Amino acid sequence: MKYDLIIIGSGAAGLSAAIYAKRYKMETLVMEGEFGGETATAGIIENYPGILSIDGYDLMKAMKEQGQNLGVVFEKGKAEKISSDRGCFVVKAANKEFQGSTLILATGSQRRHLNLPNEKELTGKGVHYCWTCDGPLYGKKTVAIVGGGDSSVKGVNFLAEYAKKIYLIVRGKEVQAEPVNLERMKALGDKVEVLTETEVAEIVGEKFLGKLVLSKEYQGSKDLAVDGVFVEIGFDPDTKLANQLGLALDEKNYIKVDSMMKTNIPGVFAAGDATSYFGRFKQDITAAALGSVAATSAYEYLQSQGRVADNG
């Protein structure tokens, strides 16, 4: 089937774009990939307007259900290749192929790794990147979180429900987090220890993680025995598909967009964490806002150009 719009990504940006697109009466397909993006594993969200408190997965589920009620088509496969044929965009996933007159990339970002020896081998065996997913495995155990941002502090607060001891390993001189989250962490007392100006130099273990080797001594030793470590050091934009289309990127590898989420290729728009429109400020509310703008631009483009995929 040929669609008016194909959206790549099912996080806040992609789902918001889908909702707006269907309200514009556009035949819309969402290539889900990993459903809900990072929000689906973000834990409890308390700063989304109109909702006092909600699990990130449930927020994304509600957005998807809203889109489904409007008639959005969802494809669980992950987009692997994108090309352009006379203005019609062709998206391939596994053995399927889809065509669209317009395209929105809401591909989000990917978690950064420490890039240390043993990290890959011990992933899932003591090394983790999602504290909401794997935190409950560490009941009454000792864990560490690497990172000094708000997400790291939220991770500490979440893990405190399970772990007996938590080390927060911060490269900088201090933790940078929302005051409310920082206050919750401080209220945990000596259950949490913050190691500032410290990095993980080595990840040690054979079949499972045994210990971390720190860049400087803590209590007379650089060895820190932990049962698990959660890496929370930020994200890099996922631009693999953008590169296939030849989209212009900025100096930090984010997709370049104007105020209406237009890229350098007519008919292609981008939204959410794959862009740097709001700089380093990455939130569900900003992603959803950008998604709605991208859908509006796609609709206006379609109105001016017609359904190219149907004409091809």
C-alpha atoms as a PDB file:
ATOM      1  CA  MET A   1       0.000   0.000   0.000  1.00  0.00           C
ATOM      2  CA  LYS A   2       1.079   3.575  -0.695  1.00  0.00           C
ATOM      3  CA  TYR A   3       0.768   5.991   2.225  1.00  0.00           C
ATOM      4  CA  ASP A   4       0.552   9.752   2.433  1.00  0.00           C
ATOM      5  CA  LEU A   5       3.039   9.649   5.293  1.00  0.00           C
ATOM      6  CA  ILE A   6       5.442   7.105   6.750  1.00  0.00           C
ATOM      7  CA  ILE A   7       6.769   7.787  10.236  1.00  0.00           C
ATOM      8  CA  ILE A   8       9.906   6.017  11.412  1.00  0.00           C
ATOM      9  CA  GLY A   9       9.851   5.672  15.194  1.00  0.00           C
ATOM     10  CA  SER A  10       7.210   5.199  17.875  1.00  0.00           C
ATOM     11  CA  GLY A  11       8.414   7.406  20.712  1.00  0.00           C
ATOM     12  CA  ALA A  12       6.687  10.617  21.778  1.00  0.00           C
ATOM     13  CA  ALA A  13       7.666  12.427  18.555  1.00  0.00           C
ATOM     14  CA  GLY A  14       6.549   9.673  16.185  1.00  0.00           C
ATOM     15  CA  LEU A  15       3.270   8.965  17.978  1.00  0.00           C
ATOM     16  CA  SER A  16       2.405  12.645  18.279  1.00  0.00           C
ATOM     17  CA  ALA A  17       3.101  13.081  14.562  1.00  0.00           C
ATOM     18  CA  ALA A  18       0.839  10.114  13.787  1.00  0.00           C
ATOM     19  CA  ILE A  19      -2.043  11.539  15.818  1.00  0.00           C
ATOM     20  CA  TYR A  20      -1.812  14.907  14.087  1.00  0.00           C
ATOM     21  CA  ALA A  21      -1.400  13.341  10.653  1.00  0.00           C
ATOM     22  CA  LYS A  22      -4.608  11.339  10.984  1.00  0.00           C
ATOM     23  CA  ARG A  23      -6.457  14.430  12.119  1.00  0.00           C
ATOM     24  CA  TYR A  24      -5.303  15.901   8.804  1.00  0.00           C
ATOM     25  CA  LYS A  25      -6.896  12.848   7.104  1.00  0.00           C
ATOM     26  CA  MET A  26      -3.549  11.523   5.917  1.00  0.00           C
ATOM     27  CA  GLU A  27      -3.094   7.799   5.345  1.00  0.00           C
ATOM     28  CA  THR A  28      -0.374   7.187   7.902  1.00  0.00           C
ATOM     29  CA  LEU A  29       1.988   4.309   8.654  1.00  0.00           C
ATOM     30  CA  VAL A  30       4.197   4.126  11.734  1.00  0.00           C
ATOM     31  CA  MET A  31       7.225   1.849  11.620  1.00  0.00           C
ATOM     32  CA  GLU A  32       7.490   1.067  15.328  1.00  0.00           C
ATOM     33  CA  GLY A  33      10.965  -0.391  15.721  1.00  0.00           C
ATOM     34  CA  GLU A  34      11.476  -0.480  19.493  1.00  0.00           C
ATOM     35  CA  PHE A  35       8.065   0.607  20.735  1.00  0.00           C
ATOM     36  CA  GLY A  36       7.941   3.774  22.771  1.00  0.00           C
ATOM     37  CA  GLY A  37      11.608   4.648  22.354  1.00  0.00           C
ATOM     38  CA  GLU A  38      13.484   5.577  25.521  1.00  0.00           C
ATOM     39  CA  THR A  39      10.299   6.796  27.191  1.00  0.00           C
ATOM     40  CA  ALA A  40       8.945   3.247  27.373  1.00  0.00           C
ATOM     41  CA  THR A  41      11.774   2.365  29.765  1.00  0.00           C
ATOM     42  CA  ALA A  42      12.010   5.699  31.585  1.00  0.00           C
ATOM     43  CA  GLY A  43      10.074   4.666  34.670  1.00  0.00           C
ATOM     44  CA  ILE A  44       7.647   7.034  36.376  1.00  0.00           C
ATOM     45  CA  ILE A  45       7.042  10.378  34.640  1.00  0.00           C
ATOM     46  CA  GLU A  46       5.698  13.268  36.694  1.00  0.00           C
ATOM     47  CA  ASN A  47       6.301  16.277  34.452  1.00  0.00           C
ATOM     48  CA  TYR A  48       4.022  15.581  31.488  1.00  0.00           C
ATOM     49  CA  PRO A  49       1.302  18.281  31.569  1.00  0.00           C
ATOM     50  CA  GLY A  50      -2.152  17.104  32.589  1.00  0.00           C
ATOM     51  CA  ILE A  51      -0.934  13.805  34.067  1.00  0.00           C
ATOM     52  CA  LEU A  52       0.094  13.710  37.707  1.00  0.00           C
ATOM     53  CA  SER A  53       2.139  10.511  37.463  1.00  0.00           C
ATOM     54  CA  ILE A  54       2.413   7.767  34.863  1.00  0.00           C
ATOM     55  CA  ASP A  55       4.815   5.012  33.858  1.00  0.00           C
ATOM     56  CA  GLY A  56       6.624   5.884  30.624  1.00  0.00           C
ATOM     57  CA  TYR A  57       5.458   2.707  28.919  1.00  0.00           C
ATOM     58  CA  ASP A  58       1.846   3.468  29.803  1.00  0.00           C
ATOM     59  CA  LEU A  59       2.175   6.997  28.404  1.00  0.00           C
ATOM     60  CA  MET A  60       3.444   5.647  25.097  1.00  0.00           C
ATOM     61  CA  LYS A  61       0.741   2.972  25.087  1.00  0.00           C
ATOM     62  CA  ALA A  62      -1.925   5.651  25.553  1.00  0.00           C
ATOM     63  CA  MET A  63      -0.509   7.664  22.641  1.00  0.00           C
ATOM     64  CA  LYS A  64      -0.465   4.600  20.427  1.00  0.00           C
ATOM     65  CA  GLU A  65      -4.057   3.718  21.312  1.00  0.00           C
ATOM     66  CA  GLN A  66      -5.099   7.257  20.447  1.00  0.00           C
ATOM     67  CA  GLY A  67      -3.453   6.862  17.051  1.00  0.00           C
ATOM     68  CA  GLN A  68      -5.056   3.463  16.497  1.00  0.00           C
ATOM     69  CA  ASN A  69      -8.486   4.892  17.296  1.00  0.00           C
ATOM     70  CA  LEU A  70      -7.901   7.502  14.602  1.00  0.00           C
ATOM     71  CA  GLY A  71      -6.886   4.864  12.054  1.00  0.00           C
ATOM     72  CA  VAL A  72      -3.079   4.979  12.108  1.00  0.00           C
ATOM     73  CA  VAL A  73      -1.495   1.792  10.750  1.00  0.00           C
ATOM     74  CA  PHE A  74       1.328   0.353  12.866  1.00  0.00           C
ATOM     75  CA  GLU A  75       4.024  -1.967  11.558  1.00  0.00           C
ATOM     76  CA  LYS A  76       6.127  -3.709  14.223  1.00  0.00           C
ATOM     77  CA  GLY A  77       9.125  -4.165  11.972  1.00  0.00           C
ATOM     78  CA  LYS A  78      12.182  -1.937  12.079  1.00  0.00           C
ATOM     79  CA  ALA A  79      12.951   0.186   9.041  1.00  0.00           C
ATOM     80  CA  GLU A  80      16.229  -1.010   7.570  1.00  0.00           C
ATOM     81  CA  LYS A  81      16.576   0.854   4.282  1.00  0.00           C
ATOM     82  CA  ILE A  82      15.105   4.030   2.863  1.00  0.00           C
ATOM     83  CA  SER A  83      15.416   5.330  -0.657  1.00  0.00           C
ATOM     84  CA  SER A  84      13.751   7.891  -2.885  1.00  0.00           C
ATOM     85  CA  ASP A  85      12.255   7.168  -6.286  1.00  0.00           C
ATOM     86  CA  ARG A  86      11.024  10.244  -8.168  1.00  0.00           C
ATOM     87  CA  GLY A  87       9.866  11.885  -4.963  1.00  0.00           C
ATOM     88  CA  CYS A  88       8.255   8.739  -3.564  1.00  0.00           C
ATOM     89  CA  PHE A  89       9.966   7.321  -0.500  1.00  0.00           C
ATOM     90  CA  VAL A  90      10.495   3.572  -0.270  1.00  0.00           C
ATOM     91  CA  VAL A  91      10.968   2.012   3.167  1.00  0.00           C
ATOM     92  CA  LYS A  92      12.122  -1.585   3.506  1.00  0.00           C
ATOM     93  CA  ALA A  93      11.775  -3.728   6.629  1.00  0.00           C
ATOM     94  CA  ALA A  94      12.644  -7.429   6.535  1.00  0.00           C
ATOM     95  CA  ASN A  95      10.779  -8.795   3.500  1.00  0.00           C
ATOM     96  CA  LYS A  96       8.275  -5.950   3.315  1.00  0.00           C
ATOM     97  CA  GLU A  97       8.325  -2.726   1.353  1.00  0.00           C
ATOM     98  CA  PHE A  98       6.249   0.412   1.900  1.00  0.00           C
ATOM     99  CA  GLN A  99       5.868   3.586  -0.145  1.00  0.00           C
ATOM    100  CA  GLY A 100       4.995   7.053   1.033  1.00  0.00           C
ATOM    101  CA  SER A 101       4.635  10.526  -0.399  1.00  0.00           C
ATOM    102  CA  THR A 102       6.198  12.078   2.707  1.00  0.00           C
ATOM    103  CA  LEU A 103       8.453  10.851   5.463  1.00  0.00           C
ATOM    104  CA  ILE A 104       9.102  11.791   9.101  1.00  0.00           C
ATOM    105  CA  LEU A 105      12.220  10.505  10.841  1.00  0.00           C
ATOM    106  CA  ALA A 106      11.575  10.234  14.583  1.00  0.00           C
ATOM    107  CA  THR A 107      14.406   7.781  15.140  1.00  0.00           C
ATOM    108  CA  GLY A 108      15.425   9.147  18.524  1.00  0.00           C
ATOM    109  CA  SER A 109      18.799   8.373  20.012  1.00  0.00           C
ATOM    110  CA  GLN A 110      20.939   5.488  21.178  1.00  0.00           C
ATOM    111  CA  ARG A 111      22.526   5.019  24.590  1.00  0.00           C
ATOM    112  CA  ARG A 112      26.219   5.710  24.879  1.00  0.00           C
ATOM    113  CA  HIS A 113      28.515   2.965  26.101  1.00  0.00           C
ATOM    114  CA  LEU A 114      31.695   3.203  28.131  1.00  0.00           C
ATOM    115  CA  ASN A 115      33.579   1.463  25.308  1.00  0.00           C
ATOM    116  CA  LEU A 116      35.669  -0.571  27.717  1.00  0.00           C
ATOM    117  CA  PRO A 117      37.022  -4.100  27.280  1.00  0.00           C
ATOM    118  CA  ASN A 118      34.591  -6.689  28.669  1.00  0.00           C
ATOM    119  CA  GLU A 119      31.646  -4.284  28.440  1.00  0.00           C
ATOM    120  CA  LYS A 120      30.008  -5.985  25.500  1.00  0.00           C
ATOM    121  CA  GLU A 121      30.737  -9.496  26.781  1.00  0.00           C
ATOM    122  CA  LEU A 122      29.190  -8.741  30.186  1.00  0.00           C
ATOM    123  CA  THR A 123      26.145  -6.877  28.897  1.00  0.00           C
ATOM    124  CA  GLY A 124      23.164  -8.541  30.541  1.00  0.00           C
ATOM    125  CA  LYS A 125      25.536 -10.295  32.936  1.00  0.00           C
ATOM    126  CA  GLY A 126      26.021  -7.446  35.341  1.00  0.00           C
ATOM    127  CA  VAL A 127      26.358  -4.581  32.853  1.00  0.00           C
ATOM    128  CA  HIS A 128      23.078  -2.858  31.982  1.00  0.00           C
ATOM    129  CA  TYR A 129      21.704   0.230  30.252  1.00  0.00           C
ATOM    130  CA  CYS A 130      18.107   0.231  31.506  1.00  0.00           C
ATOM    131  CA  TRP A 131      17.522   0.476  35.248  1.00  0.00           C
ATOM    132  CA  THR A 132      13.744   0.148  34.943  1.00  0.00           C
ATOM    133  CA  CYS A 133      14.157  -3.068  32.961  1.00  0.00           C
ATOM    134  CA  ASP A 134      16.875  -4.757  34.993  1.00  0.00           C
ATOM    135  CA  GLY A 135      16.920  -2.960  38.331  1.00  0.00           C
ATOM    136  CA  PRO A 136      14.464  -5.360  40.012  1.00  0.00           C
ATOM    137  CA  LEU A 137      16.996  -8.166  39.480  1.00  0.00           C
ATOM    138  CA  TYR A 138      19.236  -6.632  42.128  1.00  0.00           C
ATOM    139  CA  GLY A 139      17.160  -7.013  45.268  1.00  0.00           C
ATOM    140  CA  LYS A 140      19.348  -6.620  48.373  1.00  0.00           C
ATOM    141  CA  LYS A 141      22.482  -6.360  46.240  1.00  0.00           C
ATOM    142  CA  THR A 142      25.116  -3.704  45.584  1.00  0.00           C
ATOM    143  CA  VAL A 143      24.972  -1.745  42.339  1.00  0.00           C
ATOM    144  CA  ALA A 144      26.522   1.276  40.685  1.00  0.00           C
ATOM    145  CA  ILE A 145      25.206   3.849  38.246  1.00  0.00           C
ATOM    146  CA  VAL A 146      27.644   5.652  35.973  1.00  0.00           C
ATOM    147  CA  GLY A 147      26.565   9.180  35.077  1.00  0.00           C
ATOM    148  CA  GLY A 148      25.929  12.532  36.678  1.00  0.00           C
ATOM    149  CA  GLY A 149      22.712  13.753  35.054  1.00  0.00           C
ATOM    150  CA  ASP A 150      19.065  13.782  35.998  1.00  0.00           C
ATOM    151  CA  SER A 151      18.396  10.366  34.506  1.00  0.00           C
ATOM    152  CA  SER A 152      21.145   8.881  36.678  1.00  0.00           C
ATOM    153  CA  VAL A 153      19.624  10.355  39.816  1.00  0.00           C
ATOM    154  CA  LYS A 154      16.196   9.068  38.836  1.00  0.00           C
ATOM    155  CA  GLY A 155      17.874   5.690  38.403  1.00  0.00           C
ATOM    156  CA  VAL A 156      19.284   5.843  41.908  1.00  0.00           C
ATOM    157  CA  ASN A 157      15.841   6.639  43.319  1.00  0.00           C
ATOM    158  CA  PHE A 158      14.328   3.734  41.404  1.00  0.00           C
ATOM    159  CA  LEU A 159      17.027   1.229  42.371  1.00  0.00           C
ATOM    160  CA  ALA A 160      16.743   2.223  46.020  1.00  0.00           C
ATOM    161  CA  GLU A 161      13.532   0.198  46.156  1.00  0.00           C
ATOM    162  CA  TYR A 162      15.560  -2.954  45.479  1.00  0.00           C
ATOM    163  CA  ALA A 163      19.295  -2.619  46.097  1.00  0.00           C
ATOM    164  CA  LYS A 164      20.897  -2.488  49.535  1.00  0.00           C
ATOM    165  CA  LYS A 165      23.710  -0.161  48.403  1.00  0.00           C
ATOM    166  CA  ILE A 166      24.100   2.185  45.423  1.00  0.00           C
ATOM    167  CA  TYR A 167      27.200   3.997  44.185  1.00  0.00           C
ATOM    168  CA  LEU A 168      26.704   6.931  41.824  1.00  0.00           C
ATOM    169  CA  ILE A 169      29.898   7.392  39.832  1.00  0.00           C
ATOM    170  CA  VAL A 170      30.158  10.927  38.457  1.00  0.00           C
ATOM    171  CA  ARG A 171      32.905  12.128  36.140  1.00  0.00           C
ATOM    172  CA  GLY A 172      32.368  15.802  37.014  1.00  0.00           C
ATOM    173  CA  LYS A 173      32.628  17.718  40.247  1.00  0.00           C
ATOM    174  CA  GLU A 174      28.923  17.572  41.027  1.00  0.00           C
ATOM    175  CA  VAL A 175      25.617  15.994  40.039  1.00  0.00           C
ATOM    176  CA  GLN A 176      23.404  17.918  37.606  1.00  0.00           C
ATOM    177  CA  ALA A 177      19.752  16.990  38.225  1.00  0.00           C
ATOM    178  CA  GLU A 178      16.315  18.438  38.829  1.00  0.00           C
ATOM    179  CA  PRO A 179      16.105  19.638  42.437  1.00  0.00           C
ATOM    180  CA  VAL A 180      13.119  17.415  43.248  1.00  0.00           C
ATOM    181  CA  ASN A 181      14.990  14.285  42.117  1.00  0.00           C
ATOM    182  CA  LEU A 182      18.166  15.367  43.887  1.00  0.00           C
ATOM    183  CA  GLU A 183      16.262  15.892  47.133  1.00  0.00           C
ATOM    184  CA  ARG A 184      14.770  12.403  46.909  1.00  0.00           C
ATOM    185  CA  MET A 185      18.223  10.921  46.445  1.00  0.00           C
ATOM    186  CA  LYS A 186      19.662  12.830  49.405  1.00  0.00           C
ATOM    187  CA  ALA A 187      16.802  11.573  51.556  1.00  0.00           C
ATOM    188  CA  LEU A 188      18.054   8.013  50.998  1.00  0.00           C
ATOM    189  CA  GLY A 189      20.937   8.733  53.354  1.00  0.00           C
ATOM    190  CA  ASP A 190      23.970   6.453  53.490  1.00  0.00           C
ATOM    191  CA  LYS A 191      22.291   3.893  51.231  1.00  0.00           C
ATOM    192  CA  VAL A 192      23.718   6.012  48.411  1.00  0.00           C
ATOM    193  CA  GLU A 193      27.290   7.180  47.988  1.00  0.00           C
ATOM    194  CA  VAL A 194      28.261   9.678  45.304  1.00  0.00           C
ATOM    195  CA  LEU A 195      31.797   9.349  43.938  1.00  0.00           C
ATOM    196  CA  THR A 196      32.582  12.587  42.101  1.00  0.00           C
ATOM    197  CA  GLU A 197      35.481  13.247  39.720  1.00  0.00           C
ATOM    198  CA  THR A 198      35.647   9.506  39.194  1.00  0.00           C
ATOM    199  CA  GLU A 199      35.443   7.317  36.089  1.00  0.00           C
ATOM    200  CA  VAL A 200      35.224   3.580  35.480  1.00  0.00           C
ATOM    201  CA  ALA A 201      38.613   2.472  34.153  1.00  0.00           C
ATOM    202  CA  GLU A 202      37.903  -1.268  33.903  1.00  0.00           C
ATOM    203  CA  ILE A 203      35.030  -3.717  34.021  1.00  0.00           C
ATOM    204  CA  VAL A 204      36.224  -6.964  35.581  1.00  0.00           C
ATOM    205  CA  GLY A 205      34.537 -10.342  35.397  1.00  0.00           C
ATOM    206  CA  GLU A 206      34.482 -13.622  33.501  1.00  0.00           C
ATOM    207  CA  LYS A 207      30.997 -15.063  33.227  1.00  0.00           C
ATOM    208  CA  PHE A 208      29.503 -12.267  35.338  1.00  0.00           C
ATOM    209  CA  LEU A 209      30.542  -8.830  36.539  1.00  0.00           C
ATOM    210  CA  GLY A 210      32.788  -9.036  39.573  1.00  0.00           C
ATOM    211  CA  LYS A 211      34.046  -5.530  40.190  1.00  0.00           C
ATOM    212  CA  LEU A 212      34.774  -2.118  38.705  1.00  0.00           C
ATOM    213  CA  VAL A 213      38.202  -0.531  38.684  1.00  0.00           C
ATOM    214  CA  LEU A 214      37.943   3.195  39.299  1.00  0.00           C
ATOM    215  CA  SER A 215      40.123   6.013  38.017  1.00  0.00           C
ATOM    216  CA  LYS A 216      40.977   7.024  41.578  1.00  0.00           C
ATOM    217  CA  GLU A 217      40.910   5.406  44.984  1.00  0.00           C
ATOM    218  CA  TYR A 218      37.783   5.082  47.089  1.00  0.00           C
ATOM    219  CA  GLN A 219      38.379   4.114  50.722  1.00  0.00           C
ATOM    220  CA  GLY A 220      41.963   3.157  49.976  1.00  0.00           C
ATOM    221  CA  SER A 221      41.360   1.092  46.824  1.00  0.00           C
ATOM    222  CA  LYS A 222      40.517   1.568  43.178  1.00  0.00           C
ATOM    223  CA  ASP A 223      38.549  -1.707  43.199  1.00  0.00           C
ATOM    224  CA  LEU A 224      34.810  -1.400  43.762  1.00  0.00           C
ATOM    225  CA  ALA A 225      32.945  -4.670  44.259  1.00  0.00           C
ATOM    226  CA  VAL A 226      29.427  -4.477  42.788  1.00  0.00           C
ATOM    227  CA  ASP A 227      26.866  -7.006  41.599  1.00  0.00           C
ATOM    228  CA  GLY A 228      25.659  -4.796  38.769  1.00  0.00           C
ATOM    229  CA  VAL A 229      26.408  -1.529  36.993  1.00  0.00           C
ATOM    230  CA  PHE A 230      24.004   0.667  35.033  1.00  0.00           C
ATOM    231  CA  VAL A 231      25.511   2.938  32.387  1.00  0.00           C
ATOM    232  CA  GLU A 232      23.638   6.231  32.119  1.00  0.00           C
ATOM    233  CA  ILE A 233      25.985   8.620  30.315  1.00  0.00           C
ATOM    234  CA  GLY A 234      23.736  10.104  27.684  1.00  0.00           C
ATOM    235  CA  PHE A 235      22.711   9.448  24.117  1.00  0.00           C
ATOM    236  CA  ASP A 236      23.780   9.953  20.526  1.00  0.00           C
ATOM    237  CA  PRO A 237      21.249  10.603  17.742  1.00  0.00           C
ATOM    238  CA  ASP A 238      20.310   7.616  15.603  1.00  0.00           C
ATOM    239  CA  THR A 239      21.046   8.866  12.099  1.00  0.00           C
ATOM    240  CA  LYS A 240      21.663   5.656  10.161  1.00  0.00           C
ATOM    241  CA  LEU A 241      18.553   6.139   8.025  1.00  0.00           C
ATOM    242  CA  ALA A 242      19.185   9.865   7.695  1.00  0.00           C
ATOM    243  CA  ASN A 243      22.586   9.066   6.203  1.00  0.00           C
ATOM    244  CA  GLN A 244      20.989   6.727   3.672  1.00  0.00           C
ATOM    245  CA  LEU A 245      18.859   9.604   2.397  1.00  0.00           C
ATOM    246  CA  GLY A 246      21.686  12.122   2.486  1.00  0.00           C
ATOM    247  CA  LEU A 247      20.089  14.389   5.078  1.00  0.00           C
ATOM    248  CA  ALA A 248      22.205  17.277   6.311  1.00  0.00           C
ATOM    249  CA  LEU A 249      23.528  16.843   9.860  1.00  0.00           C
ATOM    250  CA  ASP A 250      24.930  19.419  12.262  1.00  0.00           C
ATOM    251  CA  GLU A 251      28.334  19.336  13.934  1.00  0.00           C
ATOM    252  CA  LYS A 252      27.045  16.961  16.640  1.00  0.00           C
ATOM    253  CA  ASN A 253      25.468  14.561  14.133  1.00  0.00           C
ATOM    254  CA  TYR A 254      21.860  15.652  14.719  1.00  0.00           C
ATOM    255  CA  ILE A 255      19.499  16.024  11.759  1.00  0.00           C
ATOM    256  CA  LYS A 256      19.307  19.635  10.657  1.00  0.00           C
ATOM    257  CA  VAL A 257      15.753  21.021  10.613  1.00  0.00           C
ATOM    258  CA  ASP A 258      14.191  24.455  10.311  1.00  0.00           C
ATOM    259  CA  SER A 259      11.425  25.818  12.531  1.00  0.00           C
ATOM    260  CA  MET A 260       8.861  23.631  10.736  1.00  0.00           C
ATOM    261  CA  MET A 261      10.956  20.442  10.990  1.00  0.00           C
ATOM    262  CA  LYS A 262      11.877  20.491   7.298  1.00  0.00           C
ATOM    263  CA  THR A 263      15.141  18.839   6.303  1.00  0.00           C
ATOM    264  CA  ASN A 264      17.257  19.605   3.265  1.00  0.00           C
ATOM    265  CA  ILE A 265      15.282  17.049   1.209  1.00  0.00           C
ATOM    266  CA  PRO A 266      11.757  18.055   0.123  1.00  0.00           C
ATOM    267  CA  GLY A 267       9.107  15.802   1.617  1.00  0.00           C
ATOM    268  CA  VAL A 268      11.353  14.581   4.431  1.00  0.00           C
ATOM    269  CA  PHE A 269      10.887  15.909   7.955  1.00  0.00           C
ATOM    270  CA  ALA A 270      12.428  15.033  11.313  1.00  0.00           C
ATOM    271  CA  ALA A 271      11.329  15.361  14.927  1.00  0.00           C
ATOM    272  CA  GLY A 272      12.291  14.447  18.459  1.00  0.00           C
ATOM    273  CA  ASP A 273      15.679  13.517  19.861  1.00  0.00           C
ATOM    274  CA  ALA A 274      17.200  12.895  16.437  1.00  0.00           C
ATOM    275  CA  THR A 275      17.159  16.682  16.003  1.00  0.00           C
ATOM    276  CA  SER A 276      18.770  19.340  18.177  1.00  0.00           C
ATOM    277  CA  TYR A 277      16.026  21.923  17.782  1.00  0.00           C
ATOM    278  CA  PHE A 278      15.765  22.447  21.551  1.00  0.00           C
ATOM    279  CA  GLY A 279      19.472  21.909  22.110  1.00  0.00           C
ATOM    280  CA  ARG A 280      20.313  19.547  24.966  1.00  0.00           C
ATOM    281  CA  PHE A 281      16.807  19.774  26.424  1.00  0.00           C
ATOM    282  CA  LYS A 282      15.275  16.378  25.591  1.00  0.00           C
ATOM    283  CA  GLN A 283      11.838  15.779  27.077  1.00  0.00           C
ATOM    284  CA  ASP A 284       8.647  13.982  26.084  1.00  0.00           C
ATOM    285  CA  ILE A 285       6.809  17.276  25.855  1.00  0.00           C
ATOM    286  CA  THR A 286       9.368  18.760  23.444  1.00  0.00           C
ATOM    287  CA  ALA A 287       9.458  15.578  21.349  1.00  0.00           C
ATOM    288  CA  ALA A 288       5.665  15.515  21.123  1.00  0.00           C
ATOM    289  CA  ALA A 289       5.608  19.187  20.149  1.00  0.00           C
ATOM    290  CA  LEU A 290       8.145  18.654  17.367  1.00  0.00           C
ATOM    291  CA  GLY A 291       6.184  15.640  16.120  1.00  0.00           C
ATOM    292  CA  SER A 292       3.024  17.715  15.767  1.00  0.00           C
ATOM    293  CA  VAL A 293       4.948  20.386  13.835  1.00  0.00           C
ATOM    294  CA  ALA A 294       6.503  17.785  11.521  1.00  0.00           C
ATOM    295  CA  ALA A 295       3.077  16.289  10.740  1.00  0.00           C
ATOM    296  CA  THR A 296       1.699  19.744   9.964  1.00  0.00           C
ATOM    297  CA  SER A 297       4.579  20.394   7.575  1.00  0.00           C
ATOM    298  CA  ALA A 298       4.057  17.020   5.908  1.00  0.00           C
ATOM    299  CA  TYR A 299       0.379  17.848   5.417  1.00  0.00           C
ATOM    300  CA  GLU A 300       1.161  21.267   3.935  1.00  0.00           C
ATOM    301  CA  TYR A 301       3.740  19.710   1.623  1.00  0.00           C
ATOM    302  CA  LEU A 302       1.226  17.107   0.494  1.00  0.00           C
ATOM    303  CA  GLN A 303      -1.341  19.815  -0.195  1.00  0.00           C
ATOM    304  CA  SER A 304       1.088  21.712  -2.394  1.00  0.00           C
ATOM    305  CA  GLN A 305       2.733  18.761  -4.177  1.00  0.00           C
ATOM    306  CA  GLY A 306       0.015  16.133  -4.299  1.00  0.00           C
ATOM    307  CA  ARG A 307       0.388  12.448  -3.517  1.00  0.00           C
ATOM    308  CA  VAL A 308       3.585  11.743  -5.430  1.00  0.00           C
ATOM    309  CA  ALA A 309       3.580   8.055  -4.537  1.00  0.00           C
ATOM    310  CA  ASP A 310       0.185   7.639  -6.204  1.00  0.00           C
ATOM    311  CA  ASN A 311       1.364   9.429  -9.319  1.00  0.00           C
ATOM    312  CA  GLY A 312       4.586   7.451  -9.667  1.00  0.00           C
END
